[in-house]
Amino acid sequence: MLLITDNHPFRYETENLCRAFYPYENIKTVKSLKEIDNNNTNSNIPSDYDKITCFTSIKKRDDSIFLQAKLITPQGEYCSEKRLAAPEKCDFLSDESGADAPKPRGFHNKAKDTFRDKCELVLAQAMFDVLTRAVGKRPKWGISTGVRPVKLFFTLLDTENGEEGAVRYFQNELLVSREKTELTRKTAEKQKPVLALSRPDSFSLYISVPFCPTRCAYCSFVSQSIEKAARLIPKYVELLCREIEITGSIAEKLGLRLETVYFGGGTPTSLTAHQLDEIMLAVERSFDMSRLREYTVEAGRPDTITGDKLQTLKDHSVGRISVNPQTLSDEVLQAIGRRHTAQQAVDAFILAKKYGFDINMDIIAGLPLDTLGSFRNTVDTLLSMQPHNLTVHTLSMKRSSALTKSGAHPSDEQISQMLDSAADRLDAAGFYPYYLYRQSRILGNQENTGWTVPGKECLYNIYIMDETHTILACGASAVTKLRQPHANRIERIFNYKFPYEYNDKFDILMQRKEQITGFYEGFSNIENK
């Protein structure tokens, strides 16, 4: 697919919108046809790209701004044009600024009230019109392509005169369906009391353990199989404990208040009970745990869950774990590269329940070989087991995953039926949505939704999606996110992605930790106000 972004800086936004309608197309984006062939000065499309071409343009003429979206397909041409009254100056347009376009901000991420943002919004609406007519489907999330729709909804509560205004903006401006708007509204409503617990001096701690028994076919995370990475693990654990101690010292000096601890991965329970014990002792020695609200460890792969590991977690006051079967179909489990059966997942849940943990469970809609019937069976069976949380993910076809490369693509209609069926069953069982996020290349342009029984929300999931407060992160591939107290400014510090890089360049990495103190310098008072 060829995307032309003529005279405007909205490449990121227009690409994502095209991908919502054509998820399996490779998109080549250019500012003009001259980028493809410098000798081509006419309007003919080069033959290599003549299957699908989306032309987008913003032009200023006199006192008007003209916005155009045109889609050329083998079935025909579709065009939509919009007009806005022009301000005196439009610096973001290429022919006026003469400079590189500003970094994209996005109608899908923030509620803005500038003319630049208005142009971005209206151009997206024009594109949505032609894409909908050409493809014959209307994505339920409209032109919203951002990761955090609930965070946007909260922003709109302030800028659009309350909940009714936010709902209208979602439906009338972002073209989000009533169904998805209501899902967002309900999720925001349930998050409010949890968000109120956080203070300006609050933070959460994330510990990365990027190892798994095997690599799942849909996975694009930086995780290593235990067999391949075994030699790296002892040194990794030793250095991770050192990073935890260094991070704890920084948090203490800054007077930060620890709210939640979350072990993610990978699969942290791929480690031995002794290795888990070492890391958790480092956490307890390094941080003030006296005001901790939640301690979570992902034990996602059922084939890593044993009694000695669960007892270790319990000994260190872990209150919540995850047991993530993804499906209870043995055929589907085999297709995605899991080395456990559905019964092993059930047995792991029963074992974990005996230790008294709050238990999260994950499933994925759209896995290869899964059907609406087998997906419903997974949901019904898990609900009969009475987990505290159930997160319904939609398969995201990441470039680096084996599943994407294999070309296995369930239909959008089937995905929608699966999600609708799960929502109906969870609602009937007394669950409600409490966190929500979206991903690029997600099947059917859908979403991932966490459902919970009353009072069992995973606080960390809400805080990380809302970007409520600072997240200090340790380990390979971990990303520290620094949130300025009393403001929305966020900065990130990236750790090395791979365990071997982490082990080899640890001292260099620790120098980056100094940025945490530097970020907070100048905030003389980060106490709760």
Protein backbone atom coordinates (compact mmCIF):
# COMPACT_ATOMS: atom_id res chain seq x y z
CA MET A 1 0.00 0.00 0.00
CA LEU A 2 1.25 3.46 -0.89
CA LEU A 3 0.47 6.35 1.47
CA ILE A 4 1.21 9.89 0.32
CA THR A 5 1.34 12.61 2.99
CA ASP A 6 1.36 15.76 0.92
CA ASN A 7 2.19 19.01 2.73
CA HIS A 8 1.47 17.85 6.29
CA PRO A 9 3.36 16.23 9.21
CA PHE A 10 0.82 13.56 10.19
CA ARG A 11 2.66 10.50 8.89
CA TYR A 12 2.41 8.49 12.12
CA GLU A 13 -1.32 9.13 12.52
CA THR A 14 -2.26 8.44 8.89
CA GLU A 15 -0.20 5.23 8.78
CA ASN A 16 -1.94 3.87 11.86
CA LEU A 17 -5.35 4.67 10.46
CA CYS A 18 -4.54 2.90 7.19
CA ARG A 19 -3.33 -0.08 9.18
CA ALA A 20 -6.67 -0.27 11.03
CA PHE A 21 -8.32 -1.04 7.69
CA TYR A 22 -5.47 -2.89 5.96
CA PRO A 23 -3.67 -4.68 8.83
CA TYR A 24 -1.69 -7.06 6.61
CA GLU A 25 -0.52 -4.58 3.99
CA ASN A 26 3.06 -3.31 3.94
CA ILE A 27 2.67 0.47 3.93
CA LYS A 28 5.17 2.64 2.07
CA THR A 29 4.81 6.29 3.07
CA VAL A 30 6.16 9.16 1.00
CA LYS A 31 5.60 12.91 0.95
CA SER A 32 5.21 12.91 -2.82
CA LEU A 33 5.56 10.60 -5.81
CA LYS A 34 8.92 12.22 -6.52
CA GLU A 35 10.35 10.28 -3.56
CA ILE A 36 9.65 7.07 -5.48
CA ASP A 37 10.85 8.21 -8.85
CA ASN A 38 12.55 11.56 -9.19
CA ASN A 39 11.78 11.49 -12.90
CA ASN A 40 8.06 11.05 -12.31
CA THR A 41 6.49 14.49 -12.35
CA ASN A 42 2.95 13.53 -13.27
CA SER A 43 0.15 12.08 -11.19
CA ASN A 44 0.46 8.47 -12.40
CA ILE A 45 1.12 5.92 -9.67
CA PRO A 46 4.16 3.69 -10.27
CA SER A 47 3.09 0.15 -11.11
CA ASP A 48 4.72 -1.37 -8.01
CA TYR A 49 2.25 0.48 -5.81
CA ASP A 50 -0.89 0.68 -7.94
CA LYS A 51 -2.98 -1.82 -6.00
CA ILE A 52 -3.93 0.49 -3.12
CA THR A 53 -2.91 4.13 -2.85
CA CYS A 54 -4.05 6.57 -0.17
CA PHE A 55 -3.38 10.21 -0.98
CA THR A 56 -3.69 12.73 1.85
CA SER A 57 -3.17 16.44 1.50
CA ILE A 58 -3.57 19.73 3.37
CA LYS A 59 -3.35 22.94 1.36
CA LYS A 60 -3.83 26.59 2.28
CA ARG A 61 -5.52 28.80 -0.28
CA ASP A 62 -6.31 32.37 0.65
CA ASP A 63 -8.35 32.26 3.86
CA SER A 64 -9.14 28.53 3.73
CA ILE A 65 -7.49 25.21 4.55
CA PHE A 66 -8.44 22.36 2.21
CA LEU A 67 -8.01 18.80 3.50
CA GLN A 68 -8.30 15.86 1.13
CA ALA A 69 -8.20 12.08 1.40
CA LYS A 70 -8.36 9.98 -1.75
CA LEU A 71 -8.17 6.19 -1.90
CA ILE A 72 -7.40 4.44 -5.18
CA THR A 73 -8.11 0.69 -5.28
CA PRO A 74 -8.73 -1.88 -8.04
CA GLN A 75 -12.44 -1.55 -7.24
CA GLY A 76 -12.54 2.22 -7.71
CA GLU A 77 -11.63 5.63 -6.34
CA TYR A 78 -13.02 7.22 -3.19
CA CYS A 79 -12.54 10.84 -2.21
CA SER A 80 -13.44 13.07 0.73
CA GLU A 81 -12.67 16.78 1.02
CA LYS A 82 -13.00 19.08 4.02
CA ARG A 83 -12.56 22.82 4.42
CA LEU A 84 -11.59 24.90 7.44
CA ALA A 85 -11.24 28.64 7.88
CA ALA A 86 -7.51 29.35 8.00
CA PRO A 87 -5.73 31.25 10.74
CA GLU A 88 -3.20 33.86 9.74
CA LYS A 89 -0.30 31.40 9.96
CA CYS A 90 -0.04 27.59 9.81
CA ASP A 91 3.54 26.78 10.70
CA PHE A 92 3.00 23.03 10.69
CA LEU A 93 2.26 22.96 6.94
CA SER A 94 5.34 22.08 4.90
CA ASP A 95 5.14 24.98 2.49
CA GLU A 96 4.92 27.55 5.29
CA SER A 97 7.34 26.23 7.89
CA GLY A 98 10.17 25.15 5.62
CA ALA A 99 11.41 23.00 8.52
CA ASP A 100 11.05 19.48 9.79
CA ALA A 101 7.60 18.67 11.11
CA PRO A 102 7.16 18.65 14.88
CA LYS A 103 7.05 15.34 16.68
CA PRO A 104 3.56 13.82 16.30
CA ARG A 105 1.32 14.28 19.32
CA GLY A 106 -1.88 12.82 18.03
CA PHE A 107 -5.63 13.20 18.36
CA HIS A 108 -5.53 9.62 19.55
CA ASN A 109 -3.34 10.40 22.57
CA LYS A 110 -4.20 13.87 23.83
CA ALA A 111 -7.13 16.25 23.78
CA LYS A 112 -5.79 19.48 22.27
CA ASP A 113 -7.39 22.72 21.21
CA THR A 114 -4.99 24.06 18.60
CA PHE A 115 -5.55 24.54 14.90
CA ARG A 116 -2.85 21.98 14.15
CA ASP A 117 -4.75 19.36 16.14
CA LYS A 118 -8.01 20.36 14.48
CA CYS A 119 -6.47 19.78 11.06
CA GLU A 120 -5.15 16.40 12.16
CA LEU A 121 -8.58 15.41 13.43
CA VAL A 122 -10.46 16.53 10.32
CA LEU A 123 -7.97 14.86 7.96
CA ALA A 124 -8.39 11.62 9.90
CA GLN A 125 -12.18 11.93 9.61
CA ALA A 126 -11.84 12.35 5.84
CA MET A 127 -9.60 9.27 5.66
CA PHE A 128 -12.04 7.28 7.78
CA ASP A 129 -14.82 8.18 5.34
CA VAL A 130 -13.00 6.93 2.24
CA LEU A 131 -11.51 3.86 3.95
CA THR A 132 -14.89 2.82 5.34
CA ARG A 133 -16.56 3.11 1.94
CA ALA A 134 -13.75 1.26 0.16
CA VAL A 135 -13.30 -1.62 2.59
CA GLY A 136 -16.94 -2.00 3.58
CA LYS A 137 -16.32 -2.08 7.33
CA ARG A 138 -16.42 0.49 10.10
CA PRO A 139 -13.87 -0.15 12.86
CA LYS A 140 -15.50 0.28 16.26
CA TRP A 141 -12.65 2.44 17.56
CA GLY A 142 -13.14 4.97 14.77
CA ILE A 143 -10.09 7.16 14.18
CA SER A 144 -8.75 6.52 17.69
CA THR A 145 -5.47 4.62 17.33
CA GLY A 146 -3.86 5.42 20.68
CA VAL A 147 -2.77 2.91 23.29
CA ARG A 148 -4.63 4.54 26.21
CA PRO A 149 -8.24 5.46 25.37
CA VAL A 150 -9.20 5.64 29.05
CA LYS A 151 -6.49 8.21 29.76
CA LEU A 152 -7.81 10.28 26.86
CA PHE A 153 -11.32 9.96 28.28
CA PHE A 154 -10.12 11.35 31.62
CA THR A 155 -8.56 14.31 29.80
CA LEU A 156 -11.81 14.94 27.97
CA LEU A 157 -13.73 14.99 31.25
CA ASP A 158 -11.93 18.26 31.96
CA THR A 159 -11.84 19.75 28.47
CA GLU A 160 -15.30 18.74 27.21
CA ASN A 161 -17.39 19.74 30.24
CA GLY A 162 -17.75 16.41 31.98
CA GLU A 163 -18.79 12.89 31.12
CA GLU A 164 -21.51 13.76 28.61
CA GLY A 165 -19.08 15.96 26.69
CA ALA A 166 -16.40 13.24 26.74
CA VAL A 167 -18.88 10.69 25.41
CA ARG A 168 -19.98 13.07 22.64
CA TYR A 169 -16.35 13.72 21.65
CA PHE A 170 -15.62 10.00 21.46
CA GLN A 171 -18.66 9.30 19.29
CA ASN A 172 -18.94 12.46 17.16
CA GLU A 173 -15.31 13.50 16.70
CA LEU A 174 -13.30 10.30 17.12
CA LEU A 175 -16.13 8.25 15.54
CA VAL A 176 -15.87 5.56 18.25
CA SER A 177 -18.87 3.23 18.44
CA ARG A 178 -21.33 3.45 21.32
CA GLU A 179 -20.20 0.01 22.46
CA LYS A 180 -16.51 0.94 22.76
CA THR A 181 -17.33 4.37 24.18
CA GLU A 182 -19.37 2.73 26.94
CA LEU A 183 -16.57 0.23 27.62
CA THR A 184 -14.17 3.17 28.02
CA ARG A 185 -16.59 5.10 30.24
CA LYS A 186 -17.20 2.12 32.53
CA THR A 187 -13.47 1.45 32.82
CA ALA A 188 -12.76 5.08 33.70
CA GLU A 189 -15.49 5.02 36.33
CA LYS A 190 -13.95 1.98 38.04
CA GLN A 191 -10.44 3.45 37.94
CA LYS A 192 -11.26 6.68 39.75
CA PRO A 193 -11.05 5.36 43.34
CA VAL A 194 -7.79 3.51 42.57
CA LEU A 195 -6.19 6.57 40.98
CA ALA A 196 -7.17 8.62 44.03
CA LEU A 197 -4.89 6.42 46.17
CA SER A 198 -1.78 7.66 44.38
CA ARG A 199 0.13 10.70 45.70
CA PRO A 200 2.66 13.00 44.01
CA ASP A 201 5.46 11.18 45.87
CA SER A 202 4.16 7.72 44.96
CA PHE A 203 5.93 5.24 42.70
CA SER A 204 5.73 1.61 41.66
CA LEU A 205 8.60 -0.84 41.21
CA TYR A 206 8.85 -3.09 38.16
CA ILE A 207 11.24 -6.06 38.12
CA SER A 208 11.96 -7.67 34.74
CA VAL A 209 12.72 -11.37 34.48
CA PRO A 210 12.90 -11.90 30.70
CA PHE A 211 13.05 -15.69 30.63
CA CYS A 212 10.41 -18.27 29.62
CA PRO A 213 10.29 -22.07 29.30
CA THR A 214 9.76 -21.62 25.54
CA ARG A 215 8.92 -18.72 23.24
CA CYS A 216 5.23 -18.53 22.29
CA ALA A 217 4.49 -18.15 18.59
CA TYR A 218 2.68 -14.82 19.10
CA CYS A 219 5.37 -13.31 21.35
CA SER A 220 7.39 -10.24 20.36
CA PHE A 221 8.75 -9.45 23.83
CA VAL A 222 12.44 -9.61 24.57
CA SER A 223 12.35 -12.95 26.35
CA GLN A 224 14.76 -15.88 26.23
CA SER A 225 14.02 -19.57 26.61
CA ILE A 226 15.52 -21.13 29.72
CA GLU A 227 17.35 -23.74 27.63
CA LYS A 228 19.15 -21.11 25.54
CA ALA A 229 19.77 -18.58 28.31
CA ALA A 230 20.62 -20.85 31.26
CA ARG A 231 24.27 -19.76 31.38
CA LEU A 232 23.25 -16.09 31.65
CA ILE A 233 20.86 -16.46 34.56
CA PRO A 234 23.17 -16.68 37.62
CA LYS A 235 25.01 -13.48 36.69
CA TYR A 236 21.72 -11.83 35.67
CA VAL A 237 20.20 -12.52 39.08
CA GLU A 238 23.30 -11.20 40.84
CA LEU A 239 23.31 -7.97 38.83
CA LEU A 240 19.54 -7.54 39.11
CA CYS A 241 19.87 -7.61 42.90
CA ARG A 242 22.56 -4.93 42.64
CA GLU A 243 20.36 -2.75 40.45
CA ILE A 244 17.50 -3.16 42.91
CA GLU A 245 19.76 -1.98 45.75
CA ILE A 246 20.97 1.04 43.74
CA THR A 247 17.42 1.95 42.78
CA GLY A 248 16.22 1.61 46.36
CA SER A 249 18.94 3.98 47.55
CA ILE A 250 17.84 6.57 44.99
CA ALA A 251 14.17 6.24 45.97
CA GLU A 252 15.05 6.66 49.65
CA LYS A 253 17.10 9.80 49.04
CA LEU A 254 14.26 11.32 47.02
CA GLY A 255 11.67 10.48 49.68
CA LEU A 256 9.50 8.46 47.29
CA ARG A 257 6.67 6.26 48.56
CA LEU A 258 6.40 2.69 47.22
CA GLU A 259 2.82 1.72 46.31
CA THR A 260 3.09 -1.49 44.24
CA VAL A 261 5.71 -4.06 43.22
CA TYR A 262 5.28 -6.00 39.98
CA PHE A 263 7.49 -8.84 38.70
CA GLY A 264 7.00 -9.22 34.94
CA GLY A 265 8.76 -10.81 32.05
CA GLY A 266 8.97 -13.21 30.42
CA THR A 267 7.89 -15.52 33.17
CA PRO A 268 9.51 -14.76 36.55
CA THR A 269 8.65 -18.23 37.84
CA SER A 270 10.96 -19.66 35.18
CA LEU A 271 13.63 -19.01 37.82
CA THR A 272 14.21 -21.42 40.69
CA ALA A 273 12.68 -20.86 44.10
CA HIS A 274 16.14 -19.96 45.41
CA GLN A 275 16.70 -17.34 42.69
CA LEU A 276 13.29 -15.81 43.34
CA ASP A 277 14.15 -15.72 47.05
CA GLU A 278 17.40 -13.84 46.33
CA ILE A 279 15.65 -11.17 44.26
CA MET A 280 12.83 -10.69 46.76
CA LEU A 281 15.27 -10.38 49.64
CA ALA A 282 17.01 -7.63 47.66
CA VAL A 283 13.69 -5.82 47.27
CA GLU A 284 12.96 -6.06 51.00
CA ARG A 285 16.44 -4.84 51.96
CA SER A 286 16.35 -1.95 49.51
CA PHE A 287 12.86 -0.46 49.81
CA ASP A 288 10.50 0.64 52.55
CA MET A 289 7.71 -1.92 52.18
CA SER A 290 5.66 -0.66 55.11
CA ARG A 291 3.11 1.23 52.96
CA LEU A 292 3.01 -1.23 50.08
CA ARG A 293 -0.52 -1.71 48.73
CA GLU A 294 0.12 -4.59 46.30
CA TYR A 295 2.79 -7.17 45.45
CA THR A 296 2.31 -9.07 42.18
CA VAL A 297 4.37 -11.75 40.43
CA GLU A 298 3.59 -13.06 36.98
CA ALA A 299 3.61 -16.83 37.14
CA GLY A 300 2.02 -16.88 33.72
CA ARG A 301 3.21 -20.20 32.34
CA PRO A 302 1.46 -23.02 34.23
CA ASP A 303 4.43 -25.32 33.57
CA THR A 304 6.61 -23.12 35.81
CA ILE A 305 4.32 -23.18 38.85
CA THR A 306 5.40 -25.45 41.69
CA GLY A 307 4.67 -25.67 45.39
CA ASP A 308 8.15 -24.55 46.46
CA LYS A 309 8.00 -21.45 44.27
CA LEU A 310 4.52 -20.55 45.51
CA GLN A 311 5.69 -20.96 49.10
CA THR A 312 8.66 -18.67 48.39
CA LEU A 313 6.32 -16.01 47.02
CA LYS A 314 4.06 -16.38 50.03
CA ASP A 315 7.01 -16.10 52.42
CA HIS A 316 7.80 -12.72 50.87
CA SER A 317 4.23 -11.41 51.20
CA VAL A 318 3.34 -11.62 47.52
CA GLY A 319 -0.44 -11.26 47.40
CA ARG A 320 -1.24 -11.65 43.72
CA ILE A 321 -0.01 -13.92 40.93
CA SER A 322 -1.06 -14.62 37.37
CA VAL A 323 -1.78 -18.00 35.83
CA ASN A 324 -2.14 -17.44 32.10
CA PRO A 325 -3.37 -20.39 30.05
CA GLN A 326 -4.25 -18.14 27.02
CA THR A 327 -6.58 -20.96 25.93
CA LEU A 328 -7.88 -24.24 27.30
CA SER A 329 -7.71 -25.99 23.94
CA ASP A 330 -4.81 -28.42 23.75
CA GLU A 331 -4.80 -28.13 19.95
CA VAL A 332 -4.43 -24.35 20.14
CA LEU A 333 -1.78 -24.58 22.88
CA GLN A 334 0.29 -26.82 20.64
CA ALA A 335 -0.15 -24.44 17.69
CA ILE A 336 1.24 -21.48 19.67
CA GLY A 337 4.26 -23.37 21.00
CA ARG A 338 3.24 -23.97 24.61
CA ARG A 339 4.60 -27.05 26.32
CA HIS A 340 1.73 -27.57 28.71
CA THR A 341 -1.81 -28.89 28.48
CA ALA A 342 -5.10 -27.29 29.41
CA GLN A 343 -5.32 -29.61 32.40
CA GLN A 344 -1.93 -28.44 33.66
CA ALA A 345 -3.23 -24.88 33.59
CA VAL A 346 -6.27 -25.91 35.64
CA ASP A 347 -4.06 -27.83 38.08
CA ALA A 348 -1.71 -24.85 38.48
CA PHE A 349 -4.66 -22.60 39.29
CA ILE A 350 -6.00 -25.04 41.89
CA LEU A 351 -2.55 -25.29 43.49
CA ALA A 352 -2.11 -21.50 43.60
CA LYS A 353 -5.57 -21.06 45.10
CA LYS A 354 -4.59 -23.30 48.02
CA TYR A 355 -1.88 -20.78 48.93
CA GLY A 356 -4.44 -17.99 49.17
CA PHE A 357 -3.26 -15.73 46.33
CA ASP A 358 -5.43 -13.32 44.41
CA ILE A 359 -5.19 -14.79 40.93
CA ASN A 360 -5.14 -13.07 37.53
CA MET A 361 -5.73 -15.13 34.39
CA ASP A 362 -5.14 -14.16 30.74
CA ILE A 363 -6.72 -15.45 27.55
CA ILE A 364 -6.24 -14.38 23.92
CA ALA A 365 -8.91 -14.01 21.27
CA GLY A 366 -7.80 -14.86 17.75
CA LEU A 367 -5.24 -17.61 18.28
CA PRO A 368 -4.71 -20.02 15.36
CA LEU A 369 -7.08 -23.00 15.27
CA ASP A 370 -9.29 -21.45 17.96
CA THR A 371 -12.99 -21.25 17.14
CA LEU A 372 -15.85 -19.32 18.70
CA GLY A 373 -16.97 -22.55 20.37
CA SER A 374 -13.58 -23.45 21.85
CA PHE A 375 -13.03 -19.83 22.93
CA ARG A 376 -16.38 -19.79 24.73
CA ASN A 377 -15.45 -23.07 26.41
CA THR A 378 -12.23 -21.46 27.68
CA VAL A 379 -14.12 -18.49 29.13
CA ASP A 380 -16.82 -20.63 30.72
CA THR A 381 -14.33 -23.06 32.25
CA LEU A 382 -12.20 -20.28 33.71
CA LEU A 383 -15.23 -18.50 35.15
CA SER A 384 -16.28 -21.74 36.85
CA MET A 385 -12.86 -21.71 38.58
CA GLN A 386 -13.60 -18.25 40.03
CA PRO A 387 -10.42 -16.24 39.34
CA HIS A 388 -10.26 -12.72 40.73
CA ASN A 389 -9.20 -11.14 37.41
CA LEU A 390 -9.58 -12.26 33.81
CA THR A 391 -7.87 -10.24 31.09
CA VAL A 392 -9.17 -10.80 27.57
CA HIS A 393 -6.44 -9.95 25.08
CA THR A 394 -6.81 -9.66 21.33
CA LEU A 395 -4.01 -11.18 19.31
CA SER A 396 -1.56 -8.56 18.05
CA MET A 397 0.35 -9.54 14.93
CA LYS A 398 3.77 -8.17 15.81
CA ARG A 399 6.39 -8.17 13.06
CA SER A 400 8.92 -10.22 15.03
CA SER A 401 6.57 -12.97 16.18
CA ALA A 402 6.69 -16.42 14.59
CA LEU A 403 2.90 -16.42 14.24
CA THR A 404 2.92 -13.25 12.13
CA LYS A 405 5.58 -14.71 9.86
CA SER A 406 3.51 -17.89 9.43
CA GLY A 407 0.59 -15.90 8.03
CA ALA A 408 -2.11 -17.32 10.34
CA HIS A 409 -4.78 -14.62 10.48
CA PRO A 410 -8.22 -15.25 12.06
CA SER A 411 -11.08 -13.17 10.64
CA ASP A 412 -12.12 -9.81 12.09
CA GLU A 413 -15.70 -11.05 12.42
CA GLN A 414 -14.62 -14.02 14.52
CA ILE A 415 -12.53 -11.78 16.76
CA SER A 416 -15.49 -9.48 17.34
CA GLN A 417 -17.76 -12.41 18.19
CA MET A 418 -15.21 -13.77 20.66
CA LEU A 419 -14.85 -10.45 22.48
CA ASP A 420 -18.61 -9.85 22.57
CA SER A 421 -19.18 -13.34 23.92
CA ALA A 422 -16.53 -12.92 26.63
CA ALA A 423 -17.91 -9.52 27.69
CA ASP A 424 -21.44 -10.91 28.01
CA ARG A 425 -20.28 -13.87 30.09
CA LEU A 426 -18.03 -11.79 32.34
CA ASP A 427 -20.72 -9.20 32.93
CA ALA A 428 -23.23 -11.91 33.84
CA ALA A 429 -20.69 -13.42 36.26
CA GLY A 430 -20.33 -10.11 38.16
CA PHE A 431 -17.06 -8.91 36.62
CA TYR A 432 -16.49 -5.34 35.44
CA PRO A 433 -13.80 -3.79 33.19
CA TYR A 434 -11.09 -2.00 35.15
CA TYR A 435 -8.20 -1.45 32.73
CA LEU A 436 -8.01 -1.21 28.98
CA TYR A 437 -5.33 -0.70 26.36
CA ARG A 438 -4.78 -1.11 22.65
CA GLN A 439 -1.84 -2.16 20.50
CA SER A 440 -0.65 -1.60 16.97
CA ARG A 441 -1.44 -4.42 14.53
CA ILE A 442 -4.11 -5.76 16.86
CA LEU A 443 -6.54 -8.05 15.06
CA GLY A 444 -9.84 -6.46 14.07
CA ASN A 445 -8.60 -3.10 15.42
CA GLN A 446 -9.85 -4.23 18.83
CA GLU A 447 -8.51 -3.94 22.40
CA ASN A 448 -7.29 -5.75 25.53
CA THR A 449 -9.55 -5.48 28.57
CA GLY A 450 -8.93 -6.49 32.18
CA TRP A 451 -12.03 -7.65 34.06
CA THR A 452 -12.26 -8.04 37.83
CA VAL A 453 -14.62 -9.00 40.59
CA PRO A 454 -15.35 -6.08 42.96
CA GLY A 455 -12.40 -5.06 45.13
CA LYS A 456 -9.79 -7.20 43.38
CA GLU A 457 -8.41 -4.73 40.83
CA CYS A 458 -4.71 -5.05 40.05
CA LEU A 459 -3.52 -1.57 41.04
CA TYR A 460 -0.30 -1.77 39.03
CA ASN A 461 -2.21 -2.44 35.80
CA ILE A 462 -4.22 0.74 36.33
CA TYR A 463 -1.22 2.85 37.30
CA ILE A 464 0.92 1.76 34.34
CA MET A 465 -1.85 2.33 31.80
CA ASP A 466 -2.87 5.70 33.23
CA GLU A 467 0.77 6.76 33.71
CA THR A 468 -0.36 7.88 37.17
CA HIS A 469 3.02 8.05 38.86
CA THR A 470 6.69 7.14 38.41
CA ILE A 471 7.58 3.53 37.63
CA LEU A 472 11.15 2.63 38.63
CA ALA A 473 12.18 -0.40 36.60
CA CYS A 474 15.00 -2.91 37.02
CA GLY A 475 16.27 -5.62 34.73
CA ALA A 476 16.83 -6.27 31.03
CA SER A 477 14.31 -4.57 28.70
CA ALA A 478 12.82 -2.64 31.64
CA VAL A 479 11.82 0.98 31.08
CA THR A 480 11.76 3.49 33.94
CA LYS A 481 8.98 6.07 33.44
CA LEU A 482 9.43 9.24 35.46
CA ARG A 483 6.29 11.28 36.10
CA GLN A 484 6.73 14.87 37.27
CA PRO A 485 4.76 15.57 40.47
CA HIS A 486 1.76 17.86 39.96
CA ALA A 487 2.29 17.77 36.17
CA ASN A 488 1.97 15.48 33.14
CA ARG A 489 5.63 15.54 32.07
CA ILE A 490 7.02 12.04 31.54
CA GLU A 491 10.59 10.96 30.77
CA ARG A 492 11.87 7.45 30.11
CA ILE A 493 15.11 5.65 30.93
CA PHE A 494 15.68 2.51 28.88
CA ASN A 495 17.64 -0.48 30.13
CA TYR A 496 19.46 -2.72 27.66
CA LYS A 497 17.02 -5.09 26.01
CA PHE A 498 18.77 -8.43 26.07
CA PRO A 499 20.09 -10.27 29.14
CA TYR A 500 23.58 -10.64 27.62
CA GLU A 501 23.73 -6.87 27.05
CA TYR A 502 22.49 -6.26 30.57
CA ASN A 503 25.19 -8.53 31.98
CA ASP A 504 28.00 -7.11 29.84
CA LYS A 505 27.19 -3.40 30.15
CA PHE A 506 25.81 -3.22 33.65
CA ASP A 507 28.12 -0.45 34.87
CA ILE A 508 27.18 1.76 31.92
CA LEU A 509 23.54 1.06 32.59
CA MET A 510 23.84 2.10 36.22
CA GLN A 511 25.12 5.50 35.11
CA ARG A 512 21.73 6.04 33.50
CA LYS A 513 20.12 5.67 36.92
CA GLU A 514 21.59 9.05 37.81
CA GLN A 515 18.97 10.54 35.50
CA ILE A 516 16.32 9.71 38.11
CA THR A 517 17.83 12.12 40.61
CA GLY A 518 18.39 14.68 37.88
CA PHE A 519 14.74 14.49 36.86
CA TYR A 520 13.54 15.25 40.40
CA GLU A 521 16.01 18.10 40.94
CA GLY A 522 14.12 21.36 41.10
CA PHE A 523 11.05 19.72 42.60
CA SER A 524 11.73 20.98 46.10
CA ASN A 525 8.44 19.64 47.35
CA ILE A 526 7.03 16.39 46.00
CA GLU A 527 5.04 15.62 49.10
CA ASN A 528 1.32 15.05 48.94
CA LYS A 529 -0.66 18.28 48.68
